[in-house]
C-alpha atoms as a PDB file:
ATOM      1  CA  MET A   1       0.023  -0.067   0.047  1.00  0.00           C
ATOM      2  CA  LEU A   2       2.893   2.362   0.671  1.00  0.00           C
ATOM      3  CA  ALA A   3       4.125   2.010  -2.901  1.00  0.00           C
ATOM      4  CA  PHE A   4       0.779   3.390  -4.143  1.00  0.00           C
ATOM      5  CA  ALA A   5       1.053   6.353  -1.788  1.00  0.00           C
ATOM      6  CA  ALA A   6       4.515   7.157  -2.851  1.00  0.00           C
ATOM      7  CA  ALA A   7       3.507   6.874  -6.544  1.00  0.00           C
ATOM      8  CA  GLY A   8       0.493   9.156  -5.841  1.00  0.00           C
ATOM      9  CA  LYS A   9       2.762  11.818  -4.319  1.00  0.00           C
ATOM     10  CA  LYS A  10       5.140  11.673  -7.374  1.00  0.00           C
ATOM     11  CA  LEU A  11       2.152  11.992  -9.683  1.00  0.00           C
ATOM     12  CA  ALA A  12       0.628  14.903  -7.806  1.00  0.00           C
ATOM     13  CA  ASP A  13       4.028  16.738  -7.774  1.00  0.00           C
ATOM     14  CA  LEU A  14       4.352  16.241 -11.519  1.00  0.00           C
ATOM     15  CA  HIS A  15       0.829  17.430 -12.122  1.00  0.00           C
ATOM     16  CA  VAL A  16       1.137  20.542  -9.898  1.00  0.00           C
ATOM     17  CA  ASN A  17       4.808  21.524 -10.785  1.00  0.00           C
ATOM     18  CA  TYR A  18       4.991  20.633 -14.522  1.00  0.00           C
ATOM     19  CA  GLU A  19       5.535  24.172 -15.605  1.00  0.00           C
ATOM     20  CA  SER A  20       8.753  24.467 -13.515  1.00  0.00           C
ATOM     21  CA  ALA A  21      10.407  21.304 -15.017  1.00  0.00           C
ATOM     22  CA  LYS A  22      13.518  21.691 -17.280  1.00  0.00           C
ATOM     23  CA  GLU A  23      12.661  21.771 -20.908  1.00  0.00           C
ATOM     24  CA  PHE A  24      13.761  18.769 -22.989  1.00  0.00           C
ATOM     25  CA  PRO A  25      15.695  19.845 -26.147  1.00  0.00           C
ATOM     26  CA  LEU A  26      13.797  18.640 -29.243  1.00  0.00           C
ATOM     27  CA  LYS A  27      14.899  18.423 -32.836  1.00  0.00           C
ATOM     28  CA  ARG A  28      12.374  18.650 -35.644  1.00  0.00           C
ATOM     29  CA  GLN A  29      12.629  15.692 -38.075  1.00  0.00           C
ATOM     30  CA  GLY A  30      11.217  15.028 -41.536  1.00  0.00           C
ATOM     31  CA  THR A  31      10.787  17.307 -44.464  1.00  0.00           C
ATOM     32  CA  ARG A  32       9.221  20.738 -44.290  1.00  0.00           C
ATOM     33  CA  LYS A  33       6.229  19.370 -46.182  1.00  0.00           C
ATOM     34  CA  SER A  34       5.672  16.595 -43.681  1.00  0.00           C
ATOM     35  CA  ASN A  35       5.853  19.033 -40.784  1.00  0.00           C
ATOM     36  CA  SER A  36       3.192  21.375 -42.194  1.00  0.00           C
ATOM     37  CA  THR A  37      -0.120  21.957 -40.486  1.00  0.00           C
ATOM     38  CA  GLY A  38      -2.394  18.993 -40.995  1.00  0.00           C
ATOM     39  CA  ALA A  39       0.127  16.644 -42.304  1.00  0.00           C
ATOM     40  CA  TRP A  40      -0.506  14.210 -39.515  1.00  0.00           C
ATOM     41  CA  ARG A  41      -4.042  13.708 -40.846  1.00  0.00           C
ATOM     42  CA  ARG A  42      -2.982  12.216 -44.115  1.00  0.00           C
END
């Protein structure tokens, strides 16, 4: 039961403080055409 309490505390902390988390660097992949708006729908 304690494992669920600990997991709940971590989840609550993530939910409440997500805006203060460090940003993860992302790299855009694919061609310019595949990254255009709506391309994910095709």
